[in-house]
């Protein structure tokens, strides 16, 4: 069976992790990278896809990318408010979609995206790896073993120091992040 043809849409920091993992698999081949900033797309290739032969094609327009290389799957890691439109474009192009969290920033978009998946028959997966971390696995085992007794409510808070490191980026722009 030939490798799955994968396109990466959005070439920021986290997409490098996907690129590295996918490159090390024999059942996937990254055929394209796409970002509105072509320099960032080339940086992703230089940083995470060194030695891939042939190298992935570089695009700044997702529709053009899908029309040109016909990926089977698109990994989307863009600013949050763009997730819905890009996921719909990929599904309409006949691609499966791996969509970084959050799935969308508006509830209605989630319902519409679910309907789109049903109509196209493609698969959409939302990437959310935190529940798979060792810390959460440990807590699940403790709760399952009733170490803390019968729990009626669990409240959790996680945070990252993104104020200074992300200053001036899309993550601090509510129009792109969805939440600021």
Protein backbone atom coordinates (compact mmCIF):
# COMPACT_ATOMS: atom_id res chain seq x y z
CA UNK A 1 0.00 0.00 0.00
CA UNK A 2 1.48 3.40 -0.92
CA UNK A 3 2.03 5.95 1.84
CA UNK A 4 -0.77 8.37 2.68
CA UNK A 5 -0.20 11.75 1.00
CA UNK A 6 -0.23 14.40 3.74
CA UNK A 7 -0.28 18.19 3.45
CA UNK A 8 0.59 20.51 6.34
CA UNK A 9 -1.46 23.71 6.50
CA UNK A 10 0.02 26.32 8.80
CA UNK A 11 3.76 26.07 9.36
CA UNK A 12 4.14 27.53 12.84
CA UNK A 13 5.80 26.00 15.85
CA UNK A 14 3.59 22.99 16.56
CA UNK A 15 3.44 21.84 12.95
CA UNK A 16 7.15 21.03 13.27
CA UNK A 17 6.26 18.27 15.74
CA UNK A 18 3.76 16.81 13.29
CA UNK A 19 6.27 17.05 10.44
CA UNK A 20 8.95 15.23 12.43
CA UNK A 21 6.58 12.44 13.50
CA UNK A 22 5.14 11.98 10.03
CA UNK A 23 8.54 11.96 8.35
CA UNK A 24 9.59 9.06 10.57
CA UNK A 25 6.63 6.91 9.49
CA UNK A 26 6.78 4.63 6.50
CA UNK A 27 3.04 4.88 5.89
CA UNK A 28 2.87 8.66 5.35
CA UNK A 29 4.55 11.10 2.98
CA UNK A 30 4.38 14.87 3.34
CA UNK A 31 3.68 16.10 -0.17
CA UNK A 32 3.02 19.78 0.57
CA UNK A 33 3.36 22.53 3.15
CA UNK A 34 1.22 25.65 3.06
CA UNK A 35 1.43 28.95 4.91
CA UNK A 36 0.59 32.55 4.04
CA UNK A 37 4.22 33.26 4.92
CA UNK A 38 6.28 31.31 2.38
CA UNK A 39 9.47 31.91 4.36
CA UNK A 40 7.88 30.14 7.35
CA UNK A 41 6.92 27.22 5.10
CA UNK A 42 10.51 26.91 3.88
CA UNK A 43 11.77 27.16 7.49
CA UNK A 44 9.57 24.21 8.46
CA UNK A 45 11.10 22.14 5.65
CA UNK A 46 14.64 23.21 6.61
CA UNK A 47 14.03 22.48 10.30
CA UNK A 48 11.89 19.35 10.27
CA UNK A 49 11.92 17.76 6.82
CA UNK A 50 15.60 17.84 5.96
CA UNK A 51 16.47 15.06 3.57
CA UNK A 52 12.95 14.23 2.48
CA UNK A 53 13.20 13.23 -1.15
CA UNK A 54 11.40 14.60 -2.97
CA UNK A 55 10.88 17.63 -0.74
CA UNK A 56 7.29 18.75 -0.21
CA UNK A 57 5.90 21.38 -2.52
CA UNK A 58 5.37 24.82 -0.96
CA UNK A 59 2.13 26.79 -1.26
CA UNK A 60 0.57 29.94 0.16
CA UNK A 61 -3.00 29.06 -0.88
CA UNK A 62 -4.74 25.94 0.50
CA UNK A 63 -7.11 25.55 -2.45
CA UNK A 64 -4.23 25.70 -4.92
CA UNK A 65 -2.34 23.19 -2.79
CA UNK A 66 -5.21 20.70 -2.78
CA UNK A 67 -5.83 21.14 -6.52
CA UNK A 68 -2.14 20.67 -7.32
CA UNK A 69 -0.97 17.78 -5.14
CA UNK A 70 -4.28 16.10 -4.17
CA UNK A 71 -3.35 15.19 -0.60
CA UNK A 72 -5.37 12.50 1.12
CA UNK A 73 -5.04 14.16 4.53
CA UNK A 74 -4.48 17.75 5.63
CA UNK A 75 -3.01 18.57 9.04
CA UNK A 76 -4.32 22.02 10.05
CA UNK A 77 -2.42 24.03 12.66
CA UNK A 78 -3.37 27.63 11.99
CA UNK A 79 -4.77 30.45 14.11
CA UNK A 80 -7.93 29.16 15.76
CA UNK A 81 -10.50 31.34 14.02
CA UNK A 82 -9.30 29.97 10.66
CA UNK A 83 -9.86 26.32 11.57
CA UNK A 84 -13.45 26.12 10.37
CA UNK A 85 -12.88 27.56 6.89
CA UNK A 86 -9.73 25.54 6.27
CA UNK A 87 -11.35 22.31 7.49
CA UNK A 88 -14.33 22.87 5.19
CA UNK A 89 -11.97 23.56 2.25
CA UNK A 90 -10.03 20.36 2.91
CA UNK A 91 -13.17 18.24 3.31
CA UNK A 92 -14.60 19.71 0.10
CA UNK A 93 -11.35 18.76 -1.63
CA UNK A 94 -11.89 15.14 -0.57
CA UNK A 95 -9.30 15.13 2.20
CA UNK A 96 -9.37 13.68 5.66
CA UNK A 97 -8.58 16.34 8.27
CA UNK A 98 -6.43 16.40 11.39
CA UNK A 99 -7.38 19.65 13.10
CA UNK A 100 -5.45 21.06 16.02
CA UNK A 101 -7.44 22.17 19.03
CA UNK A 102 -9.66 23.99 19.41
CA UNK A 103 -11.80 22.47 16.72
CA UNK A 104 -13.52 25.81 16.08
CA UNK A 105 -14.23 28.98 18.02
CA UNK A 106 -18.02 29.16 17.48
CA UNK A 107 -20.49 26.45 18.52
CA UNK A 108 -22.49 26.74 15.28
CA UNK A 109 -19.32 26.06 13.30
CA UNK A 110 -18.85 22.79 15.19
CA UNK A 111 -22.34 21.62 14.22
CA UNK A 112 -21.80 22.66 10.60
CA UNK A 113 -18.43 20.95 10.47
CA UNK A 114 -19.97 17.77 11.87
CA UNK A 115 -22.63 17.91 9.14
CA UNK A 116 -19.93 18.45 6.51
CA UNK A 117 -18.03 15.39 7.72
CA UNK A 118 -21.22 13.32 7.50
CA UNK A 119 -21.92 14.54 3.97
CA UNK A 120 -18.40 14.04 2.63
CA UNK A 121 -17.68 10.75 4.35
CA UNK A 122 -14.19 11.97 5.19
CA UNK A 123 -12.67 11.66 8.65
CA UNK A 124 -11.99 14.62 10.92
CA UNK A 125 -9.88 14.23 14.05
CA UNK A 126 -9.29 16.99 16.59
CA UNK A 127 -5.82 16.83 18.08
CA UNK A 128 -5.82 17.23 21.81
CA UNK A 129 -2.93 15.38 23.39
CA UNK A 130 -3.09 16.63 26.99
CA UNK A 131 -5.32 13.77 28.25
CA UNK A 132 -2.66 11.33 27.00
CA UNK A 133 0.17 12.77 29.07
CA UNK A 134 1.67 10.73 31.93
CA UNK A 135 0.23 13.15 34.52
CA UNK A 136 -3.33 12.58 33.31
CA UNK A 137 -2.79 8.83 32.98
CA UNK A 138 -1.65 8.78 36.61
CA UNK A 139 -4.67 10.77 37.77
CA UNK A 140 -7.06 8.52 35.83
CA UNK A 141 -5.56 5.46 37.49
CA UNK A 142 -5.85 7.08 40.95
CA UNK A 143 -9.49 8.00 40.37
CA UNK A 144 -10.24 4.57 38.89
CA UNK A 145 -8.68 2.89 41.92
CA UNK A 146 -10.73 5.15 44.23
CA UNK A 147 -7.57 6.42 45.94
CA UNK A 148 -9.41 9.70 46.66
CA UNK A 149 -12.74 8.08 47.50
CA UNK A 150 -15.93 8.85 45.63
CA UNK A 151 -15.40 12.08 43.70
CA UNK A 152 -18.35 14.31 43.00
CA UNK A 153 -16.46 17.11 41.27
CA UNK A 154 -12.99 17.57 39.88
CA UNK A 155 -11.69 21.00 38.94
CA UNK A 156 -8.45 21.39 37.06
CA UNK A 157 -6.52 24.42 35.90
CA UNK A 158 -3.63 24.41 33.48
CA UNK A 159 -1.80 27.43 32.22
CA UNK A 160 1.19 28.34 30.14
CA UNK A 161 3.35 31.41 30.34
CA UNK A 162 2.38 32.81 26.97
CA UNK A 163 2.13 36.49 27.79
CA UNK A 164 5.69 37.55 27.00
CA UNK A 165 6.81 34.71 24.69
CA UNK A 166 3.74 35.21 22.48
CA UNK A 167 3.63 39.00 22.56
CA UNK A 168 2.80 40.38 19.13
CA UNK A 169 1.71 37.03 17.71
CA UNK A 170 -1.71 35.83 16.54
CA UNK A 171 -2.26 34.14 19.92
CA UNK A 172 -2.83 37.57 21.48
CA UNK A 173 -5.12 38.80 18.71
CA UNK A 174 -8.75 37.83 19.51
CA UNK A 175 -9.63 38.04 15.80
CA UNK A 176 -7.25 35.16 15.15
CA UNK A 177 -7.10 33.30 18.46
CA UNK A 178 -10.81 33.52 19.18
CA UNK A 179 -10.16 34.26 22.81
CA UNK A 180 -7.15 36.52 23.05
